[in-house]
Amino acid sequence: MSKRDYYEVLGVAKGASDDEIKKAYRKLAMKFHPDRVSTLPDAEKKKAEDKFKELQEAYAVLSDAEKKQMYDQFGHAGVGGNSASGGFGGGGAAGFEDIFDVFGEMFGGGRRGGSQRHNSAMRGNDLEYNIQISLEESAFGCEKEIKFPRTEKCTTCDGKGSKNPEDVHTCNTCKGAGQVRFAQGFFSVQQPCPECHGRGKTIKNPCGSCRGSGLVKENRQVKVTIPAGIDNGSTLRLTGEGEAGLNGGPNGDLYVHVAVKQHKVFTRQGKDLHCEVPISFVTAALGGEVDVPTIDSKTVKLKIPEGTQTNQVLRIREKGIKSLRGVTSGDLYCHIYVETPVKLTESQKDLIRQFGEASGGQNSAHHPKTKSFFDKMKDFFAGE
């Protein structure tokens, strides 16, 4: 039976670019991959498998510049007529990396660097640490000492896995890759090397402290400088304080996530602080001054205008928090709360009654909000 034209198999025109050929192959390989057609009836599944093999054969030729040139000149005879009979692991088959791309798309993964040798230097993993500080500490900065477990280079063998470097050898089975690949029927499977267990090297006399891994688990204690002005949810990075690298690679980093505890008096919004300031009925009516606390544990005088109402907000400039990257400070916003007096004596009650009679009752100019409310209520019942 004569073979179909390879360009026809992939559905591209003769002279298509390498990128067009690769895209066409990957699209069709996804469609006819055995894992995608496993639920079809046997006859249809067999057709899909034959189609998939045909795709591999076509791509193995058209993705190779030399073979493609021979095919363009002499057709199937120029490439021996049988370029990919060995499945994933067969000689001349479509490249394993291209096949792996298809697997990645099917199962939601991305392409991995399978060619990286396990005995090459690799950066250590990053670590995370959560820390809580007070609002005062966030405002003025502080220094905190934290303790956490991390993987460190073994000092006994200097991270080499053996006291004697001559006892460390590149694994003969995987040639230092840490992984081996073998054909299993229609598939090519990659797995950790059974000889070196994925390390890429074998050790004749492993270090007694790290058992040949070159790494040990230790408790690490470091000082963290919290800058003034840092806000809740900020993250600090301590370079090189993460896990130790492999084979001489650099350490990872430590990310410290900062949470600011709730304060009894203040709440923070950016650089500004907010607090509730209770004042007496007399001070609200006549005006005056009250002492207001600030974040630096001092007090300032807040001027209360005559006729101040509950929920009115008064601002004290530059009594907030200094900017993390600047010299300016936010403001302190005081939310006024007028307290109703309680536990009055009879004489105090009489004085208030006299004041109420002298002020003309609630529906008067002395009580603008109350007057407005009663006016609206009259309009409502009048049907206006």
Protein backbone atom coordinates (compact mmCIF):
# COMPACT_ATOMS: atom_id res chain seq x y z
CA MET A 1 0.00 0.00 0.00
CA SER A 2 1.46 3.38 -1.05
CA LYS A 3 2.16 5.97 1.62
CA ARG A 4 0.32 9.27 1.70
CA ASP A 5 2.22 12.49 1.08
CA TYR A 6 3.64 13.73 4.42
CA TYR A 7 2.41 17.28 3.81
CA GLU A 8 -1.06 15.89 3.17
CA VAL A 9 -0.87 13.85 6.40
CA LEU A 10 -0.18 17.00 8.42
CA GLY A 11 -2.58 19.12 6.40
CA VAL A 12 -0.03 21.75 5.39
CA ALA A 13 1.16 23.02 2.03
CA LYS A 14 4.52 22.08 0.62
CA GLY A 15 6.99 24.74 1.64
CA ALA A 16 5.25 25.33 5.02
CA SER A 17 7.44 26.83 7.71
CA ASP A 18 8.83 24.82 10.62
CA ASP A 19 6.42 26.57 12.96
CA GLU A 20 3.42 25.77 10.75
CA ILE A 21 4.48 22.12 10.55
CA LYS A 22 4.90 21.85 14.30
CA LYS A 23 1.55 23.51 15.04
CA ALA A 24 -0.25 21.22 12.59
CA TYR A 25 1.37 18.13 14.09
CA ARG A 26 0.56 19.07 17.66
CA LYS A 27 -3.07 19.83 16.81
CA LEU A 28 -3.59 16.49 15.09
CA ALA A 29 -1.58 14.56 17.67
CA MET A 30 -3.89 15.91 20.35
CA LYS A 31 -6.90 14.73 18.36
CA PHE A 32 -5.68 11.19 17.64
CA HIS A 33 -3.63 10.52 20.77
CA PRO A 34 -4.43 7.04 22.25
CA ASP A 35 -5.45 8.57 25.58
CA ARG A 36 -8.04 10.68 23.78
CA VAL A 37 -9.58 7.80 21.82
CA SER A 38 -9.42 5.09 24.49
CA THR A 39 -13.23 5.06 24.91
CA LEU A 40 -13.98 4.59 21.20
CA PRO A 41 -15.02 1.23 19.71
CA ASP A 42 -12.09 -1.02 18.86
CA ALA A 43 -12.32 -0.44 15.11
CA GLU A 44 -12.30 3.35 15.45
CA LYS A 45 -9.59 3.19 18.09
CA LYS A 46 -7.40 1.15 15.72
CA LYS A 47 -7.89 3.74 12.96
CA ALA A 48 -6.93 6.54 15.35
CA GLU A 49 -3.77 4.69 16.43
CA ASP A 50 -2.77 4.13 12.79
CA LYS A 51 -3.39 7.80 12.11
CA PHE A 52 -1.27 8.78 15.09
CA LYS A 53 1.61 6.60 13.88
CA GLU A 54 1.28 8.16 10.44
CA LEU A 55 1.47 11.62 11.98
CA GLN A 56 4.62 10.68 13.89
CA GLU A 57 6.26 9.37 10.75
CA ALA A 58 5.41 12.51 8.77
CA TYR A 59 6.55 14.86 11.48
CA ALA A 60 9.78 12.96 12.07
CA VAL A 61 10.74 13.72 8.47
CA LEU A 62 9.35 17.23 8.00
CA SER A 63 10.73 18.49 11.32
CA ASP A 64 14.25 17.42 10.36
CA ALA A 65 15.83 19.88 7.91
CA GLU A 66 18.07 17.28 6.21
CA LYS A 67 15.34 14.65 5.90
CA LYS A 68 12.85 17.25 4.72
CA GLN A 69 15.21 18.33 1.93
CA MET A 70 15.66 14.71 0.80
CA TYR A 71 11.91 14.12 0.92
CA ASP A 72 11.18 17.27 -1.11
CA GLN A 73 13.62 16.04 -3.80
CA PHE A 74 13.00 12.30 -3.91
CA GLY A 75 9.77 11.66 -2.03
CA HIS A 76 9.47 8.62 0.24
CA ALA A 77 12.42 6.96 -1.49
CA GLY A 78 14.69 9.76 -0.25
CA VAL A 79 14.02 8.92 3.40
CA GLY A 80 13.94 5.14 3.18
CA GLY A 81 10.18 4.96 3.09
CA ASN A 82 9.88 4.02 6.78
CA SER A 83 11.01 6.74 9.11
CA ALA A 84 9.12 6.19 12.32
CA SER A 85 8.10 2.60 12.85
CA GLY A 86 9.38 2.46 16.40
CA GLY A 87 6.72 4.50 18.23
CA PHE A 88 7.80 7.14 20.78
CA GLY A 89 11.11 5.44 21.49
CA GLY A 90 11.89 4.26 17.95
CA GLY A 91 14.73 5.65 15.89
CA GLY A 92 13.79 8.68 13.83
CA ALA A 93 10.44 9.12 15.59
CA ALA A 94 8.97 12.50 16.43
CA GLY A 95 11.07 14.22 19.09
CA PHE A 96 10.22 13.30 22.66
CA GLU A 97 10.03 16.96 23.67
CA ASP A 98 7.33 17.57 21.03
CA ILE A 99 5.40 14.55 22.24
CA PHE A 100 5.75 15.77 25.82
CA ASP A 101 4.30 19.13 24.77
CA VAL A 102 1.18 17.26 23.68
CA PHE A 103 0.99 15.47 27.05
CA GLY A 104 1.33 18.80 28.83
CA GLU A 105 -1.55 20.34 26.91
CA MET A 106 -3.75 17.30 27.45
CA PHE A 107 -3.32 17.23 31.21
CA GLY A 108 -3.06 20.95 31.89
CA GLY A 109 0.68 21.05 32.47
CA GLY A 110 3.46 22.99 30.84
CA ARG A 111 6.62 21.95 29.11
CA ARG A 112 9.43 20.89 31.41
CA GLY A 113 13.12 21.06 30.88
CA GLY A 114 13.75 17.34 30.69
CA SER A 115 17.28 17.84 29.41
CA GLN A 116 18.58 19.45 32.61
CA ARG A 117 21.07 17.24 34.39
CA HIS A 118 20.39 16.55 38.04
CA ASN A 119 24.03 16.98 38.99
CA SER A 120 24.08 20.59 37.80
CA ALA A 121 23.84 23.47 40.27
CA MET A 122 20.26 24.27 41.23
CA ARG A 123 18.86 27.14 43.30
CA GLY A 124 17.24 26.22 46.61
CA ASN A 125 13.52 26.57 47.32
CA ASP A 126 12.04 29.78 48.71
CA LEU A 127 10.49 29.80 52.19
CA GLU A 128 7.66 31.83 53.72
CA TYR A 129 7.18 33.09 57.28
CA ASN A 130 4.21 34.94 58.84
CA ILE A 131 4.90 37.55 61.51
CA GLN A 132 2.60 39.77 63.59
CA ILE A 133 3.57 43.25 64.77
CA SER A 134 1.80 46.06 66.63
CA LEU A 135 0.56 49.24 64.98
CA GLU A 136 3.28 51.18 66.83
CA GLU A 137 5.95 48.84 65.45
CA SER A 138 4.60 49.31 61.94
CA ALA A 139 4.63 53.08 62.39
CA PHE A 140 8.16 53.46 63.74
CA GLY A 141 9.85 50.26 62.60
CA CYS A 142 11.46 47.58 64.74
CA GLU A 143 13.71 44.56 64.67
CA LYS A 144 12.30 41.06 65.16
CA GLU A 145 14.14 37.81 65.72
CA ILE A 146 12.52 34.82 64.05
CA LYS A 147 13.30 31.11 64.12
CA PHE A 148 12.34 28.62 61.42
CA PRO A 149 13.47 25.23 60.06
CA ARG A 150 15.24 25.09 56.72
CA THR A 151 17.44 22.76 54.69
CA GLU A 152 21.12 23.72 54.88
CA LYS A 153 24.32 22.46 53.34
CA CYS A 154 25.84 19.66 55.38
CA THR A 155 28.96 20.97 57.11
CA THR A 156 30.38 17.50 57.62
CA CYS A 157 30.84 16.81 53.91
CA ASP A 158 30.51 20.42 52.70
CA GLY A 159 27.38 19.46 50.80
CA LYS A 160 29.14 16.87 48.62
CA GLY A 161 27.40 13.82 50.09
CA SER A 162 30.70 12.20 51.15
CA LYS A 163 33.74 13.29 53.10
CA ASN A 164 35.92 12.00 50.28
CA PRO A 165 35.00 13.64 46.93
CA GLU A 166 36.54 10.65 45.12
CA ASP A 167 33.67 8.51 46.43
CA VAL A 168 31.14 10.57 44.45
CA HIS A 169 30.58 9.40 40.85
CA THR A 170 28.24 10.29 38.03
CA CYS A 171 25.55 7.62 37.78
CA ASN A 172 26.37 5.20 34.97
CA THR A 173 22.74 4.30 34.40
CA CYS A 174 21.31 7.78 33.74
CA LYS A 175 24.62 9.53 32.94
CA GLY A 176 23.87 12.19 35.56
CA ALA A 177 20.40 13.09 34.26
CA GLY A 178 18.64 11.59 37.29
CA GLN A 179 15.96 10.13 35.03
CA VAL A 180 15.71 7.27 32.57
CA ARG A 181 13.40 6.74 29.64
CA PHE A 182 12.16 3.44 28.31
CA ALA A 183 9.71 2.27 25.67
CA GLN A 184 6.57 0.53 26.87
CA GLY A 185 4.50 -0.58 23.93
CA PHE A 186 3.22 2.50 22.17
CA PHE A 187 4.61 4.94 24.74
CA SER A 188 7.93 6.23 25.97
CA VAL A 189 7.97 6.65 29.75
CA GLN A 190 10.34 8.79 31.81
CA GLN A 191 10.92 8.05 35.51
CA PRO A 192 13.54 8.62 38.24
CA CYS A 193 16.67 6.58 37.80
CA PRO A 194 16.42 3.41 39.94
CA GLU A 195 20.18 3.36 40.45
CA CYS A 196 20.71 6.85 41.91
CA HIS A 197 17.07 7.56 42.87
CA GLY A 198 16.99 10.72 40.79
CA ARG A 199 20.18 12.29 42.19
CA GLY A 200 22.28 11.84 39.08
CA LYS A 201 25.20 10.52 41.10
CA THR A 202 26.18 7.54 43.20
CA ILE A 203 28.18 7.68 46.43
CA LYS A 204 30.40 4.84 47.59
CA ASN A 205 30.69 5.96 51.23
CA PRO A 206 27.79 8.34 52.02
CA CYS A 207 28.26 11.02 54.69
CA GLY A 208 26.90 9.87 58.05
CA SER A 209 25.34 13.27 58.81
CA CYS A 210 23.33 13.80 55.64
CA ARG A 211 23.27 10.18 54.35
CA GLY A 212 24.70 11.31 51.04
CA SER A 213 22.15 14.01 50.24
CA GLY A 214 24.54 16.87 51.06
CA LEU A 215 21.71 18.59 52.95
CA VAL A 216 20.53 18.59 56.57
CA LYS A 217 17.52 20.12 58.35
CA GLU A 218 18.46 22.83 60.85
CA ASN A 219 16.72 25.56 62.84
CA ARG A 220 17.70 28.95 61.49
CA GLN A 221 17.50 32.14 63.57
CA VAL A 222 17.67 35.54 61.86
CA LYS A 223 16.90 39.17 62.67
CA VAL A 224 14.32 40.87 60.48
CA THR A 225 14.38 44.66 60.17
CA ILE A 226 10.83 46.00 59.91
CA PRO A 227 10.97 49.42 58.18
CA ALA A 228 8.97 52.35 59.57
CA GLY A 229 5.68 52.85 57.77
CA ILE A 230 5.17 49.23 56.67
CA ASP A 231 1.50 48.34 56.24
CA ASN A 232 -0.57 45.26 56.93
CA GLY A 233 -0.16 42.61 54.22
CA SER A 234 3.30 43.75 53.15
CA THR A 235 6.01 41.20 52.35
CA LEU A 236 9.74 41.48 53.04
CA ARG A 237 12.27 39.40 51.11
CA LEU A 238 15.44 38.17 52.82
CA THR A 239 17.76 37.16 50.01
CA GLY A 240 19.58 33.86 50.52
CA GLU A 241 17.70 32.87 53.69
CA GLY A 242 15.68 30.11 51.99
CA GLU A 243 16.54 26.46 51.44
CA ALA A 244 20.09 25.51 50.47
CA GLY A 245 20.78 24.94 46.78
CA LEU A 246 21.84 21.63 45.29
CA ASN A 247 25.26 20.86 43.90
CA GLY A 248 26.65 24.24 44.88
CA GLY A 249 23.61 26.22 43.73
CA PRO A 250 22.58 29.39 45.61
CA ASN A 251 20.09 29.44 48.48
CA GLY A 252 16.50 30.40 47.88
CA ASP A 253 14.95 33.46 49.54
CA LEU A 254 12.82 33.89 52.66
CA TYR A 255 9.58 35.87 52.27
CA VAL A 256 8.28 37.37 55.51
CA HIS A 257 4.57 38.26 55.38
CA VAL A 258 3.70 41.06 57.83
CA ALA A 259 0.36 41.27 59.63
CA VAL A 260 -0.41 44.29 61.82
CA LYS A 261 -2.49 43.53 64.92
CA GLN A 262 -5.69 45.44 65.58
CA HIS A 263 -5.17 48.49 67.81
CA LYS A 264 -7.41 49.44 70.75
CA VAL A 265 -7.62 53.12 69.79
CA PHE A 266 -6.54 53.65 66.18
CA THR A 267 -7.40 52.20 62.82
CA ARG A 268 -5.16 52.77 59.82
CA GLN A 269 -6.01 53.74 56.27
CA GLY A 270 -2.85 54.19 54.23
CA LYS A 271 -0.78 56.85 55.97
CA ASP A 272 -3.75 58.20 57.92
CA LEU A 273 -5.01 57.18 61.34
CA HIS A 274 -8.59 57.31 62.58
CA CYS A 275 -9.93 57.29 66.13
CA GLU A 276 -13.19 57.96 67.96
CA VAL A 277 -13.16 60.90 70.36
CA PRO A 278 -16.02 61.11 72.90
CA ILE A 279 -16.93 64.62 74.12
CA SER A 280 -19.48 65.88 76.60
CA PHE A 281 -22.79 67.50 75.70
CA VAL A 282 -21.52 70.78 77.13
CA THR A 283 -18.29 70.75 75.10
CA ALA A 284 -20.22 69.89 71.95
CA ALA A 285 -22.62 72.78 72.51
CA LEU A 286 -20.22 75.47 73.73
CA GLY A 287 -16.96 74.33 72.13
CA GLY A 288 -13.66 73.82 73.88
CA GLU A 289 -10.53 71.65 73.81
CA VAL A 290 -9.96 67.97 74.56
CA ASP A 291 -6.82 65.86 74.81
CA VAL A 292 -6.40 63.32 72.01
CA PRO A 293 -3.84 60.49 72.07
CA THR A 294 -1.37 60.05 69.20
CA ILE A 295 0.52 57.01 67.91
CA ASP A 296 3.75 58.18 69.59
CA SER A 297 2.14 57.81 73.06
CA LYS A 298 1.71 61.56 73.50
CA THR A 299 -1.38 63.77 73.50
CA VAL A 300 -2.35 66.83 71.52
CA LYS A 301 -5.07 69.43 72.02
CA LEU A 302 -8.04 69.13 69.68
CA LYS A 303 -10.17 72.25 69.28
CA ILE A 304 -13.90 71.52 69.35
CA PRO A 305 -16.03 74.16 67.57
CA GLU A 306 -19.37 75.30 69.03
CA GLY A 307 -22.30 73.13 67.97
CA THR A 308 -20.19 70.08 67.06
CA GLN A 309 -22.34 67.06 66.21
CA THR A 310 -21.84 63.31 66.57
CA ASN A 311 -19.99 61.77 63.58
CA GLN A 312 -18.38 65.06 62.68
CA VAL A 313 -14.74 64.49 61.69
CA LEU A 314 -11.94 66.81 62.76
CA ARG A 315 -8.42 66.52 61.38
CA ILE A 316 -5.06 66.91 63.12
CA ARG A 317 -2.36 67.32 60.49
CA GLU A 318 0.77 65.13 60.34
CA LYS A 319 -0.17 62.96 63.31
CA GLY A 320 -0.61 59.85 61.23
CA ILE A 321 2.08 57.45 60.02
CA LYS A 322 5.19 58.40 58.08
CA SER A 323 5.34 57.15 54.51
CA LEU A 324 7.37 53.99 53.94
CA ARG A 325 9.37 55.63 51.12
CA GLY A 326 9.15 59.28 52.07
CA VAL A 327 9.39 61.87 54.81
CA THR A 328 5.78 63.04 54.93
CA SER A 329 3.32 61.79 57.52
CA GLY A 330 -0.39 61.18 57.23
CA ASP A 331 -3.05 62.87 59.32
CA LEU A 332 -5.09 61.87 62.36
CA TYR A 333 -8.85 61.98 61.80
CA CYS A 334 -10.95 62.30 64.95
CA HIS A 335 -14.52 61.03 64.68
CA ILE A 336 -16.57 62.91 67.27
CA TYR A 337 -19.06 61.11 69.48
CA VAL A 338 -21.26 63.28 71.67
CA GLU A 339 -22.08 61.45 74.89
CA THR A 340 -25.49 61.71 76.51
CA PRO A 341 -25.03 62.22 80.25
CA VAL A 342 -26.20 59.36 82.49
CA LYS A 343 -26.88 58.89 86.22
CA LEU A 344 -28.05 62.50 86.66
CA THR A 345 -29.06 63.92 90.02
CA GLU A 346 -32.46 65.56 90.39
CA SER A 347 -30.89 69.02 90.40
CA GLN A 348 -29.05 68.24 87.15
CA LYS A 349 -32.25 67.01 85.58
CA ASP A 350 -34.04 70.21 86.62
CA LEU A 351 -31.33 72.30 85.00
CA ILE A 352 -31.68 70.37 81.75
CA ARG A 353 -35.48 70.81 81.84
CA GLN A 354 -35.00 74.53 82.34
CA PHE A 355 -32.60 74.61 79.41
CA GLY A 356 -35.11 72.74 77.24
CA GLU A 357 -37.87 75.23 78.12
CA ALA A 358 -35.56 78.20 77.53
CA SER A 359 -34.47 76.86 74.13
CA GLY A 360 -38.04 76.63 72.89
CA GLY A 361 -38.28 72.85 72.73
CA GLN A 362 -36.82 70.48 70.19
CA ASN A 363 -38.53 72.06 67.20
CA SER A 364 -36.43 75.21 67.31
CA ALA A 365 -33.40 76.82 65.70
CA HIS A 366 -31.25 75.42 68.51
CA HIS A 367 -31.81 71.92 67.13
CA PRO A 368 -31.45 72.26 63.33
CA LYS A 369 -31.50 68.53 62.51
CA THR A 370 -34.51 67.88 64.74
CA LYS A 371 -36.38 70.86 63.26
CA SER A 372 -35.63 69.61 59.75
CA PHE A 373 -36.86 66.13 60.69
CA PHE A 374 -40.18 67.41 62.06
CA ASP A 375 -40.66 69.66 59.02
CA LYS A 376 -40.19 66.66 56.72
CA MET A 377 -42.59 64.61 58.85
CA LYS A 378 -45.29 67.32 58.55
CA ASP A 379 -44.85 67.40 54.78
CA PHE A 380 -45.16 63.60 54.65
CA PHE A 381 -48.45 63.49 56.54
CA ALA A 382 -49.73 66.44 54.51
CA GLY A 383 -49.16 64.36 51.39
CA GLU A 384 -46.63 66.68 49.82
